[in-house]
C-alpha atoms as a PDB file:
ATOM      1  CA  MET A   1      52.828  21.288   5.175  1.00  0.00           C
ATOM      2  CA  PHE A   2      54.875  20.679   2.026  1.00  0.00           C
ATOM      3  CA  PRO A   3      53.410  18.755  -0.918  1.00  0.00           C
ATOM      4  CA  PRO A   4      54.776  15.187  -1.161  1.00  0.00           C
ATOM      5  CA  TRP A   5      56.664  15.725  -4.448  1.00  0.00           C
ATOM      6  CA  HIS A   6      59.382  13.201  -3.627  1.00  0.00           C
ATOM      7  CA  GLU A   7      56.790  10.496  -2.907  1.00  0.00           C
ATOM      8  CA  LEU A   8      54.879  11.376  -6.073  1.00  0.00           C
ATOM      9  CA  LYS A   9      58.064  11.016  -8.112  1.00  0.00           C
ATOM     10  CA  ARG A  10      58.750   7.586  -6.580  1.00  0.00           C
ATOM     11  CA  SER A  11      55.183   6.548  -7.334  1.00  0.00           C
ATOM     12  CA  GLU A  12      55.508   7.810 -10.909  1.00  0.00           C
ATOM     13  CA  MET A  13      58.688   5.750 -11.347  1.00  0.00           C
ATOM     14  CA  ARG A  14      56.866   2.634 -10.058  1.00  0.00           C
ATOM     15  CA  ALA A  15      54.024   3.309 -12.504  1.00  0.00           C
ATOM     16  CA  LEU A  16      56.465   3.712 -15.394  1.00  0.00           C
ATOM     17  CA  LYS A  17      58.058   0.396 -14.423  1.00  0.00           C
ATOM     18  CA  SER A  18      54.694  -1.414 -14.266  1.00  0.00           C
ATOM     19  CA  ARG A  19      53.732   0.105 -17.621  1.00  0.00           C
ATOM     20  CA  ALA A  20      57.006  -1.133 -19.135  1.00  0.00           C
ATOM     21  CA  GLU A  21      56.183  -4.601 -17.793  1.00  0.00           C
ATOM     22  CA  GLY A  22      52.927  -4.644 -19.725  1.00  0.00           C
ATOM     23  CA  SER A  23      50.243  -2.674 -17.912  1.00  0.00           C
ATOM     24  CA  LEU A  24      49.650   0.036 -15.385  1.00  0.00           C
ATOM     25  CA  ASP A  25      49.199  -1.452 -11.915  1.00  0.00           C
ATOM     26  CA  ALA A  26      45.900  -0.312 -10.356  1.00  0.00           C
ATOM     27  CA  ASP A  27      47.367  -0.164  -6.822  1.00  0.00           C
ATOM     28  CA  VAL A  28      50.293   1.956  -7.985  1.00  0.00           C
ATOM     29  CA  ILE A  29      47.936   4.301  -9.817  1.00  0.00           C
ATOM     30  CA  ALA A  30      45.688   4.585  -6.750  1.00  0.00           C
ATOM     31  CA  SER A  31      48.662   5.545  -4.604  1.00  0.00           C
ATOM     32  CA  MET A  32      49.915   7.970  -7.228  1.00  0.00           C
ATOM     33  CA  ARG A  33      46.454   9.528  -7.577  1.00  0.00           C
ATOM     34  CA  ALA A  34      46.328  10.330  -3.832  1.00  0.00           C
ATOM     35  CA  LEU A  35      49.822  11.854  -3.904  1.00  0.00           C
ATOM     36  CA  PHE A  36      48.995  13.777  -7.073  1.00  0.00           C
ATOM     37  CA  GLU A  37      45.918  15.301  -5.439  1.00  0.00           C
ATOM     38  CA  ALA A  38      48.082  16.561  -2.573  1.00  0.00           C
ATOM     39  CA  CYS A  39      50.708  17.998  -4.935  1.00  0.00           C
ATOM     40  CA  ARG A  40      48.349  19.618  -7.416  1.00  0.00           C
ATOM     41  CA  LYS A  41      47.377  22.180  -4.766  1.00  0.00           C
ATOM     42  CA  ALA A  42      50.902  23.627  -4.758  1.00  0.00           C
ATOM     43  CA  PRO A  43      50.982  27.056  -6.431  1.00  0.00           C
ATOM     44  CA  ASP A  44      53.703  26.013  -8.871  1.00  0.00           C
ATOM     45  CA  ALA A  45      52.429  22.471  -9.548  1.00  0.00           C
ATOM     46  CA  ASN A  46      51.838  23.142 -13.238  1.00  0.00           C
ATOM     47  CA  GLU A  47      55.544  23.939 -13.646  1.00  0.00           C
ATOM     48  CA  SER A  48      56.626  20.498 -12.397  1.00  0.00           C
ATOM     49  CA  ILE A  49      57.718  17.807 -14.843  1.00  0.00           C
ATOM     50  CA  CYS A  50      56.534  15.183 -12.356  1.00  0.00           C
ATOM     51  CA  TYR A  51      53.069  16.805 -12.219  1.00  0.00           C
ATOM     52  CA  HIS A  52      52.523  16.311 -15.946  1.00  0.00           C
ATOM     53  CA  GLY A  53      54.172  12.871 -16.093  1.00  0.00           C
ATOM     54  CA  SER A  54      52.100  11.542 -13.210  1.00  0.00           C
ATOM     55  CA  LEU A  55      48.894  13.045 -14.539  1.00  0.00           C
ATOM     56  CA  ALA A  56      49.575  11.552 -17.986  1.00  0.00           C
ATOM     57  CA  LEU A  57      49.862   8.083 -16.429  1.00  0.00           C
ATOM     58  CA  ILE A  58      46.708   8.550 -14.355  1.00  0.00           C
ATOM     59  CA  LEU A  59      44.749   9.769 -17.390  1.00  0.00           C
ATOM     60  CA  GLU A  60      46.063   6.914 -19.522  1.00  0.00           C
ATOM     61  CA  PHE A  61      44.945   4.441 -16.864  1.00  0.00           C
ATOM     62  CA  ASP A  62      41.515   6.133 -16.772  1.00  0.00           C
ATOM     63  CA  GLY A  63      41.220   5.854 -20.564  1.00  0.00           C
ATOM     64  CA  ASP A  64      41.281   9.626 -21.204  1.00  0.00           C
ATOM     65  CA  LEU A  65      43.901   9.275 -23.922  1.00  0.00           C
ATOM     66  CA  ASP A  66      43.544  12.751 -25.424  1.00  0.00           C
ATOM     67  CA  ALA A  67      44.258  14.407 -22.075  1.00  0.00           C
ATOM     68  CA  ALA A  68      47.044  11.893 -21.372  1.00  0.00           C
ATOM     69  CA  ILE A  69      48.652  12.827 -24.687  1.00  0.00           C
ATOM     70  CA  GLU A  70      48.505  16.546 -23.908  1.00  0.00           C
ATOM     71  CA  HIS A  71      50.150  16.102 -20.500  1.00  0.00           C
ATOM     72  CA  ARG A  72      52.782  13.733 -21.918  1.00  0.00           C
ATOM     73  CA  LYS A  73      53.630  16.372 -24.543  1.00  0.00           C
ATOM     74  CA  ILE A  74      53.974  19.021 -21.826  1.00  0.00           C
ATOM     75  CA  GLU A  75      56.183  16.678 -19.781  1.00  0.00           C
ATOM     76  CA  ILE A  76      58.458  15.996 -22.772  1.00  0.00           C
ATOM     77  CA  SER A  77      58.667  19.708 -23.575  1.00  0.00           C
ATOM     78  CA  LYS A  78      59.680  20.500 -19.996  1.00  0.00           C
ATOM     79  CA  ILE A  79      62.328  17.756 -20.029  1.00  0.00           C
ATOM     80  CA  GLN A  80      63.722  19.166 -23.283  1.00  0.00           C
ATOM     81  CA  GLN A  81      63.792  22.645 -21.728  1.00  0.00           C
ATOM     82  CA  LEU A  82      65.696  21.228 -18.768  1.00  0.00           C
ATOM     83  CA  HIS A  83      68.228  19.619 -21.129  1.00  0.00           C
ATOM     84  CA  ASN A  84      68.681  22.939 -22.943  1.00  0.00           C
ATOM     85  CA  LEU A  85      69.167  24.757 -19.651  1.00  0.00           C
ATOM     86  CA  ALA A  86      71.732  22.173 -18.515  1.00  0.00           C
ATOM     87  CA  GLN A  87      73.768  22.795 -21.662  1.00  0.00           C
ATOM     88  CA  VAL A  88      74.239  26.464 -20.851  1.00  0.00           C
ATOM     89  CA  ASN A  89      74.284  26.090 -17.060  1.00  0.00           C
ATOM     90  CA  PRO A  90      76.184  22.981 -15.893  1.00  0.00           C
ATOM     91  CA  GLY A  91      75.023  23.612 -12.313  1.00  0.00           C
ATOM     92  CA  VAL A  92      71.581  22.400 -13.383  1.00  0.00           C
ATOM     93  CA  ARG A  93      72.849  18.910 -14.279  1.00  0.00           C
ATOM     94  CA  PRO A  94      71.743  17.312 -10.968  1.00  0.00           C
ATOM     95  CA  ALA A  95      68.172  18.205 -11.968  1.00  0.00           C
ATOM     96  CA  LEU A  96      68.507  15.782 -14.893  1.00  0.00           C
ATOM     97  CA  ARG A  97      68.244  12.828 -12.517  1.00  0.00           C
ATOM     98  CA  ASN A  98      65.329  10.737 -13.827  1.00  0.00           C
ATOM     99  CA  TYR A  99      65.239  12.985 -16.903  1.00  0.00           C
ATOM    100  CA  ASP A 100      68.331  11.967 -18.884  1.00  0.00           C
ATOM    101  CA  GLU A 101      68.324  11.113 -22.594  1.00  0.00           C
ATOM    102  CA  GLN A 102      67.095   7.572 -21.952  1.00  0.00           C
ATOM    103  CA  ASP A 103      64.234   8.862 -19.808  1.00  0.00           C
ATOM    104  CA  LEU A 104      63.322  11.308 -22.554  1.00  0.00           C
ATOM    105  CA  GLN A 105      63.300   8.458 -25.085  1.00  0.00           C
ATOM    106  CA  ILE A 106      61.073   6.377 -22.797  1.00  0.00           C
ATOM    107  CA  ARG A 107      58.556   9.223 -22.471  1.00  0.00           C
ATOM    108  CA  SER A 108      58.628   9.780 -26.233  1.00  0.00           C
ATOM    109  CA  GLN A 109      57.936   6.072 -26.829  1.00  0.00           C
ATOM    110  CA  ILE A 110      55.041   6.183 -24.361  1.00  0.00           C
ATOM    111  CA  LEU A 111      53.642   9.171 -26.257  1.00  0.00           C
ATOM    112  CA  GLU A 112      53.875   7.236 -29.528  1.00  0.00           C
ATOM    113  CA  ASP A 113      52.160   4.221 -27.932  1.00  0.00           C
ATOM    114  CA  VAL A 114      49.298   6.319 -26.559  1.00  0.00           C
ATOM    115  CA  LEU A 115      48.907   8.188 -29.867  1.00  0.00           C
ATOM    116  CA  ARG A 116      48.573   4.823 -31.678  1.00  0.00           C
ATOM    117  CA  LYS A 117      46.106   3.592 -29.080  1.00  0.00           C
ATOM    118  CA  ALA A 118      44.043   6.791 -29.392  1.00  0.00           C
ATOM    119  CA  ALA A 119      43.990   6.488 -33.186  1.00  0.00           C
ATOM    120  CA  SER A 120      42.645   2.934 -33.151  1.00  0.00           C
END
């Protein structure tokens, strides 16, 4: 059976929305956690942007800010790599869905927020 990547991505987007509205929703995180556990068993899970973005949200919710920061940094780095690849290979552009410049700015702002929270 295939890992539920598409469902994990939808759950991650719901979690990002709830975070933007003021806090991470516990029910959304619980759903995302179950989907994440199914996806993390995939051999290439660590290569997925969604893997690191979802895990960063879960860890932030759990209060493990240092680990959340590390996974958010990996996610941002992978998004930047995708942008660089899309510049030299226009066929990759559809992969930028949910990872455009605005999405990159949102993730960078979340990283700044979590860094401030970890420092206080």
